[in-house]
């Protein structure tokens, strides 16, 4: 009677494939909702952590299936290989984020002016959920930024505020920044028509005679003559994961030059994974190209 050999079956190999497929689908749906929908970062990070943990278990089970194939000739080698291939995107994304976390300083707010950072026109306050509360950036954070990004400084351009403001605004739009507030730009300047201007409406006799007010002092006149800073505030999303970043651009006119400083803060968490400095560097590089020949360092 012939002996029929039956190969053992590695159940862990087939289970690893199912787990890996479920984890990948779970992660992709969360990523799409976070990048293009209303899924906020704390919820996305929680889902990503669960997906990474499940993927880790699936990978271990797939390796066990391959070991069973090698040692006992068990079925399931193809399922184990498929599980590892399906797990690669999540493993790569996890490794990428872990690398950025370890290589960048633990700060979430970055600016080109450490001594006088541009102020937000409207400070964004959101619920940090399980990420926990965070303190405003202090002196220690600025010193840590200076040590980590010593070349992150503002730009001075040989040109008036109007021209530099227009370029700064357009570059921000081209980089995907959604502008939410502006202040002090050319469109905000309200200039009164000179007396006798042909478009000036004729003034009727006032019903109430205005009461004369005292003339402003020299201090008030000097303060009014000082150039005002212009601000552009907006929101930005990172390309791949869609992490939200708030950005404010400050333009300060000094005689024939305009100084541009930028501040970027991650909207969630106490670590921006280096995204703030990367956004500022990319923005200033694009602005230099837009104002080629005007940069003064």
C-alpha atoms as a PDB file:
ATOM      1  CA  UNK A   1       0.000   0.000   0.000  1.00  0.00           C
ATOM      2  CA  UNK A   2       1.581   3.294  -1.061  1.00  0.00           C
ATOM      3  CA  UNK A   3       2.255   5.865   1.636  1.00  0.00           C
ATOM      4  CA  UNK A   4       0.764   9.232   0.901  1.00  0.00           C
ATOM      5  CA  UNK A   5       2.573  12.185   2.388  1.00  0.00           C
ATOM      6  CA  UNK A   6       0.453  15.169   3.350  1.00  0.00           C
ATOM      7  CA  UNK A   7       2.120  18.502   3.959  1.00  0.00           C
ATOM      8  CA  UNK A   8       1.251  20.314   7.177  1.00  0.00           C
ATOM      9  CA  UNK A   9      -0.546  23.635   6.945  1.00  0.00           C
ATOM     10  CA  UNK A  10       0.751  26.798   8.575  1.00  0.00           C
ATOM     11  CA  UNK A  11      -2.366  28.533   9.870  1.00  0.00           C
ATOM     12  CA  UNK A  12      -0.295  31.512  11.003  1.00  0.00           C
ATOM     13  CA  UNK A  13       0.715  32.185   7.386  1.00  0.00           C
ATOM     14  CA  UNK A  14      -2.867  32.463   6.163  1.00  0.00           C
ATOM     15  CA  UNK A  15      -3.915  34.463   9.217  1.00  0.00           C
ATOM     16  CA  UNK A  16      -1.025  36.869   8.663  1.00  0.00           C
ATOM     17  CA  UNK A  17      -2.252  37.623   5.155  1.00  0.00           C
ATOM     18  CA  UNK A  18      -5.753  38.420   6.386  1.00  0.00           C
ATOM     19  CA  UNK A  19      -4.418  40.616   9.177  1.00  0.00           C
ATOM     20  CA  UNK A  20      -2.064  42.483   6.818  1.00  0.00           C
ATOM     21  CA  UNK A  21      -4.844  43.170   4.312  1.00  0.00           C
ATOM     22  CA  UNK A  22      -7.193  44.386   7.034  1.00  0.00           C
ATOM     23  CA  UNK A  23      -4.499  46.631   8.530  1.00  0.00           C
ATOM     24  CA  UNK A  24      -3.591  48.153   5.154  1.00  0.00           C
ATOM     25  CA  UNK A  25      -7.233  48.897   4.318  1.00  0.00           C
ATOM     26  CA  UNK A  26      -7.748  50.370   7.778  1.00  0.00           C
ATOM     27  CA  UNK A  27      -4.707  52.621   7.381  1.00  0.00           C
ATOM     28  CA  UNK A  28      -5.466  53.767   3.823  1.00  0.00           C
ATOM     29  CA  UNK A  29      -9.045  54.763   4.678  1.00  0.00           C
ATOM     30  CA  UNK A  30      -7.820  56.754   7.699  1.00  0.00           C
ATOM     31  CA  UNK A  31      -5.081  58.407   5.617  1.00  0.00           C
ATOM     32  CA  UNK A  32      -7.510  59.478   2.880  1.00  0.00           C
ATOM     33  CA  UNK A  33      -9.978  60.853   5.425  1.00  0.00           C
ATOM     34  CA  UNK A  34      -7.169  62.728   7.187  1.00  0.00           C
ATOM     35  CA  UNK A  35      -5.596  64.075   4.006  1.00  0.00           C
ATOM     36  CA  UNK A  36      -8.765  65.121   2.211  1.00  0.00           C
ATOM     37  CA  UNK A  37     -11.584  64.832   4.748  1.00  0.00           C
ATOM     38  CA  UNK A  38     -12.477  65.908   8.253  1.00  0.00           C
ATOM     39  CA  UNK A  39     -10.479  63.241  10.119  1.00  0.00           C
ATOM     40  CA  UNK A  40      -8.288  65.165  12.565  1.00  0.00           C
ATOM     41  CA  UNK A  41      -4.693  64.342  13.414  1.00  0.00           C
ATOM     42  CA  UNK A  42      -5.218  62.813  16.894  1.00  0.00           C
ATOM     43  CA  UNK A  43      -7.730  60.330  15.487  1.00  0.00           C
ATOM     44  CA  UNK A  44      -5.499  59.557  12.510  1.00  0.00           C
ATOM     45  CA  UNK A  45      -2.468  58.943  14.717  1.00  0.00           C
ATOM     46  CA  UNK A  46      -4.502  56.619  16.929  1.00  0.00           C
ATOM     47  CA  UNK A  47      -5.655  54.618  13.902  1.00  0.00           C
ATOM     48  CA  UNK A  48      -2.112  54.597  12.471  1.00  0.00           C
ATOM     49  CA  UNK A  49      -0.740  53.275  15.770  1.00  0.00           C
ATOM     50  CA  UNK A  50      -3.298  50.458  15.811  1.00  0.00           C
ATOM     51  CA  UNK A  51      -2.583  49.657  12.156  1.00  0.00           C
ATOM     52  CA  UNK A  52       1.159  49.590  12.813  1.00  0.00           C
ATOM     53  CA  UNK A  53       0.697  47.253  15.793  1.00  0.00           C
ATOM     54  CA  UNK A  54      -1.532  44.881  13.808  1.00  0.00           C
ATOM     55  CA  UNK A  55       0.935  44.982  10.913  1.00  0.00           C
ATOM     56  CA  UNK A  56       3.767  44.095  13.276  1.00  0.00           C
ATOM     57  CA  UNK A  57       1.820  41.070  14.515  1.00  0.00           C
ATOM     58  CA  UNK A  58       1.009  40.057  10.922  1.00  0.00           C
ATOM     59  CA  UNK A  59       4.678  40.307   9.966  1.00  0.00           C
ATOM     60  CA  UNK A  60       5.746  38.107  12.864  1.00  0.00           C
ATOM     61  CA  UNK A  61       3.101  35.553  11.922  1.00  0.00           C
ATOM     62  CA  UNK A  62       4.265  35.636   8.296  1.00  0.00           C
ATOM     63  CA  UNK A  63       7.850  35.012   9.383  1.00  0.00           C
ATOM     64  CA  UNK A  64       6.623  32.102  11.471  1.00  0.00           C
ATOM     65  CA  UNK A  65       4.867  30.717   8.401  1.00  0.00           C
ATOM     66  CA  UNK A  66       8.079  30.960   6.388  1.00  0.00           C
ATOM     67  CA  UNK A  67       9.926  29.208   9.185  1.00  0.00           C
ATOM     68  CA  UNK A  68       7.376  26.393   9.140  1.00  0.00           C
ATOM     69  CA  UNK A  69       7.830  26.122   5.372  1.00  0.00           C
ATOM     70  CA  UNK A  70      11.605  25.891   5.731  1.00  0.00           C
ATOM     71  CA  UNK A  71      11.646  23.415   8.576  1.00  0.00           C
ATOM     72  CA  UNK A  72       8.643  21.212   7.858  1.00  0.00           C
ATOM     73  CA  UNK A  73       7.595  22.032   4.298  1.00  0.00           C
ATOM     74  CA  UNK A  74       4.303  23.448   5.588  1.00  0.00           C
ATOM     75  CA  UNK A  75       1.881  25.061   3.223  1.00  0.00           C
ATOM     76  CA  UNK A  76       1.442  28.806   3.412  1.00  0.00           C
ATOM     77  CA  UNK A  77       4.692  30.140   2.023  1.00  0.00           C
ATOM     78  CA  UNK A  78       2.933  32.169  -0.666  1.00  0.00           C
ATOM     79  CA  UNK A  79       0.497  33.582   1.895  1.00  0.00           C
ATOM     80  CA  UNK A  80       3.402  34.606   4.156  1.00  0.00           C
ATOM     81  CA  UNK A  81       5.191  36.332   1.275  1.00  0.00           C
ATOM     82  CA  UNK A  82       2.001  38.172   0.309  1.00  0.00           C
ATOM     83  CA  UNK A  83       1.482  39.265   3.925  1.00  0.00           C
ATOM     84  CA  UNK A  84       4.991  40.729   4.068  1.00  0.00           C
ATOM     85  CA  UNK A  85       4.500  42.578   0.783  1.00  0.00           C
ATOM     86  CA  UNK A  86       1.168  44.021   1.946  1.00  0.00           C
ATOM     87  CA  UNK A  87       2.767  45.077   5.235  1.00  0.00           C
ATOM     88  CA  UNK A  88       5.610  46.998   3.579  1.00  0.00           C
ATOM     89  CA  UNK A  89       3.730  50.317   3.047  1.00  0.00           C
ATOM     90  CA  UNK A  90       2.741  50.611   6.710  1.00  0.00           C
ATOM     91  CA  UNK A  91       6.147  49.447   7.914  1.00  0.00           C
ATOM     92  CA  UNK A  92       7.831  52.001   5.636  1.00  0.00           C
ATOM     93  CA  UNK A  93       5.541  54.827   6.789  1.00  0.00           C
ATOM     94  CA  UNK A  94       6.137  53.922  10.431  1.00  0.00           C
ATOM     95  CA  UNK A  95       9.896  53.807   9.922  1.00  0.00           C
ATOM     96  CA  UNK A  96       9.806  57.138   8.081  1.00  0.00           C
ATOM     97  CA  UNK A  97       7.919  58.879  10.878  1.00  0.00           C
ATOM     98  CA  UNK A  98      10.139  57.304  13.522  1.00  0.00           C
ATOM     99  CA  UNK A  99      13.238  58.502  11.668  1.00  0.00           C
ATOM    100  CA  UNK A 100      11.878  62.062  11.435  1.00  0.00           C
ATOM    101  CA  UNK A 101      10.962  61.944  15.110  1.00  0.00           C
ATOM    102  CA  UNK A 102      14.468  60.953  16.170  1.00  0.00           C
ATOM    103  CA  UNK A 103      16.318  63.261  13.756  1.00  0.00           C
ATOM    104  CA  UNK A 104      14.401  66.491  14.496  1.00  0.00           C
ATOM    105  CA  UNK A 105      14.173  68.441  17.769  1.00  0.00           C
ATOM    106  CA  UNK A 106      11.069  67.969  19.961  1.00  0.00           C
ATOM    107  CA  UNK A 107       9.497  71.334  19.114  1.00  0.00           C
ATOM    108  CA  UNK A 108       6.338  72.231  17.232  1.00  0.00           C
ATOM    109  CA  UNK A 109       6.838  75.969  16.606  1.00  0.00           C
ATOM    110  CA  UNK A 110       9.635  77.272  14.334  1.00  0.00           C
ATOM    111  CA  UNK A 111      10.455  80.828  13.265  1.00  0.00           C
ATOM    112  CA  UNK A 112      13.122  82.747  11.380  1.00  0.00           C
ATOM    113  CA  UNK A 113      13.222  85.465  14.072  1.00  0.00           C
ATOM    114  CA  UNK A 114      14.106  83.918  17.422  1.00  0.00           C
ATOM    115  CA  UNK A 115      14.145  87.178  19.367  1.00  0.00           C
ATOM    116  CA  UNK A 116      10.888  88.630  18.009  1.00  0.00           C
ATOM    117  CA  UNK A 117       8.840  85.910  16.395  1.00  0.00           C
ATOM    118  CA  UNK A 118       5.981  87.036  14.116  1.00  0.00           C
ATOM    119  CA  UNK A 119       2.720  87.153  16.033  1.00  0.00           C
ATOM    120  CA  UNK A 120      -0.402  85.327  14.902  1.00  0.00           C
ATOM    121  CA  UNK A 121      -3.194  87.520  13.616  1.00  0.00           C
ATOM    122  CA  UNK A 122      -5.515  84.952  15.148  1.00  0.00           C
ATOM    123  CA  UNK A 123      -4.104  82.180  17.305  1.00  0.00           C
ATOM    124  CA  UNK A 124      -5.478  78.775  16.370  1.00  0.00           C
ATOM    125  CA  UNK A 125      -6.739  76.803  19.366  1.00  0.00           C
ATOM    126  CA  UNK A 126      -7.845  73.210  18.857  1.00  0.00           C
ATOM    127  CA  UNK A 127      -8.554  70.233  21.071  1.00  0.00           C
ATOM    128  CA  UNK A 128      -5.355  68.202  21.316  1.00  0.00           C
ATOM    129  CA  UNK A 129      -7.358  65.163  22.463  1.00  0.00           C
ATOM    130  CA  UNK A 130      -5.165  62.297  23.710  1.00  0.00           C
ATOM    131  CA  UNK A 131      -1.996  64.067  22.542  1.00  0.00           C
ATOM    132  CA  UNK A 132      -2.224  66.153  25.705  1.00  0.00           C
ATOM    133  CA  UNK A 133      -1.893  69.903  26.322  1.00  0.00           C
ATOM    134  CA  UNK A 134       1.138  71.793  25.132  1.00  0.00           C
ATOM    135  CA  UNK A 135       2.825  74.927  26.406  1.00  0.00           C
ATOM    136  CA  UNK A 136       3.609  77.984  24.261  1.00  0.00           C
ATOM    137  CA  UNK A 137       7.165  77.940  22.880  1.00  0.00           C
ATOM    138  CA  UNK A 138       9.650  79.293  25.401  1.00  0.00           C
ATOM    139  CA  UNK A 139      13.293  80.295  25.479  1.00  0.00           C
ATOM    140  CA  UNK A 140      14.431  76.670  25.726  1.00  0.00           C
ATOM    141  CA  UNK A 141      12.522  75.813  22.552  1.00  0.00           C
ATOM    142  CA  UNK A 142      14.082  78.732  20.687  1.00  0.00           C
ATOM    143  CA  UNK A 143      17.567  77.727  21.812  1.00  0.00           C
ATOM    144  CA  UNK A 144      16.895  74.173  20.698  1.00  0.00           C
ATOM    145  CA  UNK A 145      15.750  75.451  17.312  1.00  0.00           C
ATOM    146  CA  UNK A 146      18.856  77.602  16.966  1.00  0.00           C
ATOM    147  CA  UNK A 147      21.069  74.595  17.644  1.00  0.00           C
ATOM    148  CA  UNK A 148      19.128  72.336  15.265  1.00  0.00           C
ATOM    149  CA  UNK A 149      18.460  74.793  12.408  1.00  0.00           C
ATOM    150  CA  UNK A 150      21.235  77.417  12.530  1.00  0.00           C
ATOM    151  CA  UNK A 151      20.678  78.484   8.921  1.00  0.00           C
ATOM    152  CA  UNK A 152      16.979  79.232   9.317  1.00  0.00           C
ATOM    153  CA  UNK A 153      16.894  83.039   9.050  1.00  0.00           C
ATOM    154  CA  UNK A 154      14.748  85.684   7.420  1.00  0.00           C
ATOM    155  CA  UNK A 155      15.350  87.429   4.115  1.00  0.00           C
ATOM    156  CA  UNK A 156      15.946  91.066   3.256  1.00  0.00           C
ATOM    157  CA  UNK A 157      14.984  92.237  -0.228  1.00  0.00           C
ATOM    158  CA  UNK A 158      15.937  95.431  -2.012  1.00  0.00           C
ATOM    159  CA  UNK A 159      12.440  96.543  -2.816  1.00  0.00           C
ATOM    160  CA  UNK A 160       9.332  98.211  -1.525  1.00  0.00           C
ATOM    161  CA  UNK A 161       6.701  96.525   0.606  1.00  0.00           C
ATOM    162  CA  UNK A 162       4.099  96.453  -2.177  1.00  0.00           C
ATOM    163  CA  UNK A 163       6.197  94.375  -4.573  1.00  0.00           C
ATOM    164  CA  UNK A 164       7.571  91.991  -1.936  1.00  0.00           C
ATOM    165  CA  UNK A 165       4.117  91.552  -0.395  1.00  0.00           C
ATOM    166  CA  UNK A 166       2.597  90.586  -3.742  1.00  0.00           C
ATOM    167  CA  UNK A 167       5.355  88.041  -4.372  1.00  0.00           C
ATOM    168  CA  UNK A 168       5.160  86.639  -0.825  1.00  0.00           C
ATOM    169  CA  UNK A 169       1.415  86.180  -1.127  1.00  0.00           C
ATOM    170  CA  UNK A 170       1.611  84.521  -4.547  1.00  0.00           C
ATOM    171  CA  UNK A 171       4.376  82.142  -3.473  1.00  0.00           C
ATOM    172  CA  UNK A 172       2.295  81.096  -0.466  1.00  0.00           C
ATOM    173  CA  UNK A 173      -0.677  80.350  -2.718  1.00  0.00           C
ATOM    174  CA  UNK A 174       1.507  78.423  -5.170  1.00  0.00           C
ATOM    175  CA  UNK A 175       2.752  76.226  -2.310  1.00  0.00           C
ATOM    176  CA  UNK A 176      -0.772  75.281  -1.302  1.00  0.00           C
ATOM    177  CA  UNK A 177      -1.172  77.672   1.623  1.00  0.00           C
ATOM    178  CA  UNK A 178      -4.802  78.576   2.235  1.00  0.00           C
ATOM    179  CA  UNK A 179      -4.675  82.234   3.262  1.00  0.00           C
ATOM    180  CA  UNK A 180      -7.091  82.967   6.091  1.00  0.00           C
ATOM    181  CA  UNK A 181      -6.143  86.475   7.258  1.00  0.00           C
ATOM    182  CA  UNK A 182      -4.138  89.446   6.016  1.00  0.00           C
ATOM    183  CA  UNK A 183      -3.167  92.719   7.630  1.00  0.00           C
ATOM    184  CA  UNK A 184      -1.157  95.739   6.575  1.00  0.00           C
ATOM    185  CA  UNK A 185      -0.906  94.813   2.913  1.00  0.00           C
ATOM    186  CA  UNK A 186      -1.303  97.259   0.023  1.00  0.00           C
ATOM    187  CA  UNK A 187      -5.037  96.524  -0.198  1.00  0.00           C
ATOM    188  CA  UNK A 188      -5.477  97.510   3.442  1.00  0.00           C
ATOM    189  CA  UNK A 189      -4.113 101.032   2.960  1.00  0.00           C
ATOM    190  CA  UNK A 190      -6.989 103.491   2.917  1.00  0.00           C
ATOM    191  CA  UNK A 191      -5.892 106.759   1.413  1.00  0.00           C
ATOM    192  CA  UNK A 192      -8.200 109.769   1.603  1.00  0.00           C
ATOM    193  CA  UNK A 193      -8.863 111.692  -1.607  1.00  0.00           C
ATOM    194  CA  UNK A 194      -7.235 115.122  -1.691  1.00  0.00           C
ATOM    195  CA  UNK A 195      -9.427 118.141  -1.240  1.00  0.00           C
ATOM    196  CA  UNK A 196     -10.945 119.285  -4.517  1.00  0.00           C
ATOM    197  CA  UNK A 197     -10.460 115.892  -6.216  1.00  0.00           C
ATOM    198  CA  UNK A 198     -12.930 115.574  -9.124  1.00  0.00           C
ATOM    199  CA  UNK A 199     -14.286 112.268  -7.750  1.00  0.00           C
ATOM    200  CA  UNK A 200     -14.771 113.644  -4.267  1.00  0.00           C
ATOM    201  CA  UNK A 201     -18.491 114.160  -3.513  1.00  0.00           C
ATOM    202  CA  UNK A 202     -19.590 117.658  -2.648  1.00  0.00           C
ATOM    203  CA  UNK A 203     -19.988 118.067   1.074  1.00  0.00           C
ATOM    204  CA  UNK A 204     -23.314 119.269   2.377  1.00  0.00           C
ATOM    205  CA  UNK A 205     -23.496 121.755   5.183  1.00  0.00           C
ATOM    206  CA  UNK A 206     -23.248 119.778   8.421  1.00  0.00           C
ATOM    207  CA  UNK A 207     -26.237 119.800  10.706  1.00  0.00           C
ATOM    208  CA  UNK A 208     -23.958 119.658  13.735  1.00  0.00           C
ATOM    209  CA  UNK A 209     -20.852 121.773  13.910  1.00  0.00           C
ATOM    210  CA  UNK A 210     -17.905 119.536  14.888  1.00  0.00           C
ATOM    211  CA  UNK A 211     -16.068 120.395  18.063  1.00  0.00           C
ATOM    212  CA  UNK A 212     -12.404 121.167  17.422  1.00  0.00           C
ATOM    213  CA  UNK A 213     -10.002 118.675  18.974  1.00  0.00           C
ATOM    214  CA  UNK A 214      -6.466 119.397  20.146  1.00  0.00           C
ATOM    215  CA  UNK A 215      -3.733 118.830  17.603  1.00  0.00           C
ATOM    216  CA  UNK A 216      -1.775 115.600  18.075  1.00  0.00           C
ATOM    217  CA  UNK A 217       1.573 115.874  19.756  1.00  0.00           C
ATOM    218  CA  UNK A 218       4.897 115.143  18.119  1.00  0.00           C
ATOM    219  CA  UNK A 219       4.967 111.617  19.612  1.00  0.00           C
ATOM    220  CA  UNK A 220       1.641 110.726  18.032  1.00  0.00           C
ATOM    221  CA  UNK A 221       2.740 112.107  14.678  1.00  0.00           C
ATOM    222  CA  UNK A 222       5.999 110.133  14.754  1.00  0.00           C
ATOM    223  CA  UNK A 223       4.180 106.955  15.735  1.00  0.00           C
ATOM    224  CA  UNK A 224       1.720 107.408  12.882  1.00  0.00           C
ATOM    225  CA  UNK A 225       4.584 107.965  10.438  1.00  0.00           C
ATOM    226  CA  UNK A 226       6.285 104.687  11.336  1.00  0.00           C
ATOM    227  CA  UNK A 227       5.774 101.966   8.706  1.00  0.00           C
ATOM    228  CA  UNK A 228       3.440  99.211   9.834  1.00  0.00           C
ATOM    229  CA  UNK A 229       4.298  95.529   9.466  1.00  0.00           C
ATOM    230  CA  UNK A 230       2.267  93.510   6.989  1.00  0.00           C
ATOM    231  CA  UNK A 231       1.100  89.993   7.831  1.00  0.00           C
ATOM    232  CA  UNK A 232      -0.164  86.998   5.867  1.00  0.00           C
ATOM    233  CA  UNK A 233      -1.568  84.095   7.862  1.00  0.00           C
ATOM    234  CA  UNK A 234      -2.705  80.792   6.452  1.00  0.00           C
ATOM    235  CA  UNK A 235      -2.941  77.029   6.813  1.00  0.00           C
ATOM    236  CA  UNK A 236      -0.969  74.325   5.034  1.00  0.00           C
ATOM    237  CA  UNK A 237      -1.043  70.532   4.807  1.00  0.00           C
ATOM    238  CA  UNK A 238       1.979  68.301   4.348  1.00  0.00           C
ATOM    239  CA  UNK A 239       2.101  66.498   1.033  1.00  0.00           C
ATOM    240  CA  UNK A 240       1.846  62.848   2.036  1.00  0.00           C
ATOM    241  CA  UNK A 241       0.212  62.540   5.441  1.00  0.00           C
ATOM    242  CA  UNK A 242      -1.710  65.806   5.401  1.00  0.00           C
ATOM    243  CA  UNK A 243      -0.559  67.102   8.792  1.00  0.00           C
ATOM    244  CA  UNK A 244      -1.907  70.615   9.384  1.00  0.00           C
ATOM    245  CA  UNK A 245       0.522  73.508   9.771  1.00  0.00           C
ATOM    246  CA  UNK A 246      -0.270  77.130  10.568  1.00  0.00           C
ATOM    247  CA  UNK A 247       1.955  79.756   8.961  1.00  0.00           C
ATOM    248  CA  UNK A 248       2.314  83.502   9.376  1.00  0.00           C
ATOM    249  CA  UNK A 249       4.519  85.685   7.171  1.00  0.00           C
ATOM    250  CA  UNK A 250       5.634  89.097   8.417  1.00  0.00           C
ATOM    251  CA  UNK A 251       6.954  91.828   6.125  1.00  0.00           C
ATOM    252  CA  UNK A 252       8.719  94.842   7.624  1.00  0.00           C
ATOM    253  CA  UNK A 253       9.742  97.779   5.445  1.00  0.00           C
ATOM    254  CA  UNK A 254      12.959  99.614   6.303  1.00  0.00           C
ATOM    255  CA  UNK A 255      13.857 102.487   4.005  1.00  0.00           C
ATOM    256  CA  UNK A 256      14.458 100.860   0.601  1.00  0.00           C
ATOM    257  CA  UNK A 257      14.380  97.246   1.801  1.00  0.00           C
ATOM    258  CA  UNK A 258      11.762  94.795   3.056  1.00  0.00           C
ATOM    259  CA  UNK A 259      12.513  92.179   5.693  1.00  0.00           C
ATOM    260  CA  UNK A 260      10.542  88.902   5.484  1.00  0.00           C
ATOM    261  CA  UNK A 261      10.194  86.552   8.462  1.00  0.00           C
ATOM    262  CA  UNK A 262       8.167  83.359   8.656  1.00  0.00           C
ATOM    263  CA  UNK A 263       6.732  81.347  11.524  1.00  0.00           C
ATOM    264  CA  UNK A 264       5.252  77.839  11.238  1.00  0.00           C
ATOM    265  CA  UNK A 265       3.567  75.774  13.949  1.00  0.00           C
ATOM    266  CA  UNK A 266       2.183  72.255  13.816  1.00  0.00           C
ATOM    267  CA  UNK A 267      -1.486  72.394  14.720  1.00  0.00           C
ATOM    268  CA  UNK A 268      -1.404  69.173  16.733  1.00  0.00           C
ATOM    269  CA  UNK A 269       1.143  67.594  19.015  1.00  0.00           C
ATOM    270  CA  UNK A 270       4.375  68.755  20.604  1.00  0.00           C
ATOM    271  CA  UNK A 271       6.646  67.536  17.797  1.00  0.00           C
ATOM    272  CA  UNK A 272       6.437  68.660  14.172  1.00  0.00           C
ATOM    273  CA  UNK A 273       8.784  65.929  12.851  1.00  0.00           C
ATOM    274  CA  UNK A 274      10.876  68.660  11.218  1.00  0.00           C
ATOM    275  CA  UNK A 275       8.017  69.766   8.986  1.00  0.00           C
ATOM    276  CA  UNK A 276       8.032  73.386  10.149  1.00  0.00           C
ATOM    277  CA  UNK A 277      11.657  74.034   9.231  1.00  0.00           C
ATOM    278  CA  UNK A 278      11.199  72.207   5.926  1.00  0.00           C
ATOM    279  CA  UNK A 279       8.202  74.372   5.012  1.00  0.00           C
ATOM    280  CA  UNK A 280      10.000  77.607   5.886  1.00  0.00           C
ATOM    281  CA  UNK A 281      13.096  76.613   3.910  1.00  0.00           C
ATOM    282  CA  UNK A 282      11.007  75.665   0.870  1.00  0.00           C
ATOM    283  CA  UNK A 283       8.989  78.868   1.084  1.00  0.00           C
ATOM    284  CA  UNK A 284      12.015  81.155   1.333  1.00  0.00           C
ATOM    285  CA  UNK A 285      13.718  79.337  -1.533  1.00  0.00           C
ATOM    286  CA  UNK A 286      10.649  79.867  -3.714  1.00  0.00           C
ATOM    287  CA  UNK A 287      10.440  83.501  -2.632  1.00  0.00           C
ATOM    288  CA  UNK A 288      14.100  84.030  -3.518  1.00  0.00           C
ATOM    289  CA  UNK A 289      13.372  82.684  -6.991  1.00  0.00           C
ATOM    290  CA  UNK A 290      10.303  84.906  -7.361  1.00  0.00           C
ATOM    291  CA  UNK A 291      12.288  87.984  -6.299  1.00  0.00           C
ATOM    292  CA  UNK A 292      15.497  86.991  -8.068  1.00  0.00           C
ATOM    293  CA  UNK A 293      18.058  89.739  -7.830  1.00  0.00           C
ATOM    294  CA  UNK A 294      16.413  91.485  -4.860  1.00  0.00           C
ATOM    295  CA  UNK A 295      17.652  89.294  -2.018  1.00  0.00           C
ATOM    296  CA  UNK A 296      20.000  91.118   0.300  1.00  0.00           C
ATOM    297  CA  UNK A 297      20.636  88.348   2.879  1.00  0.00           C
END
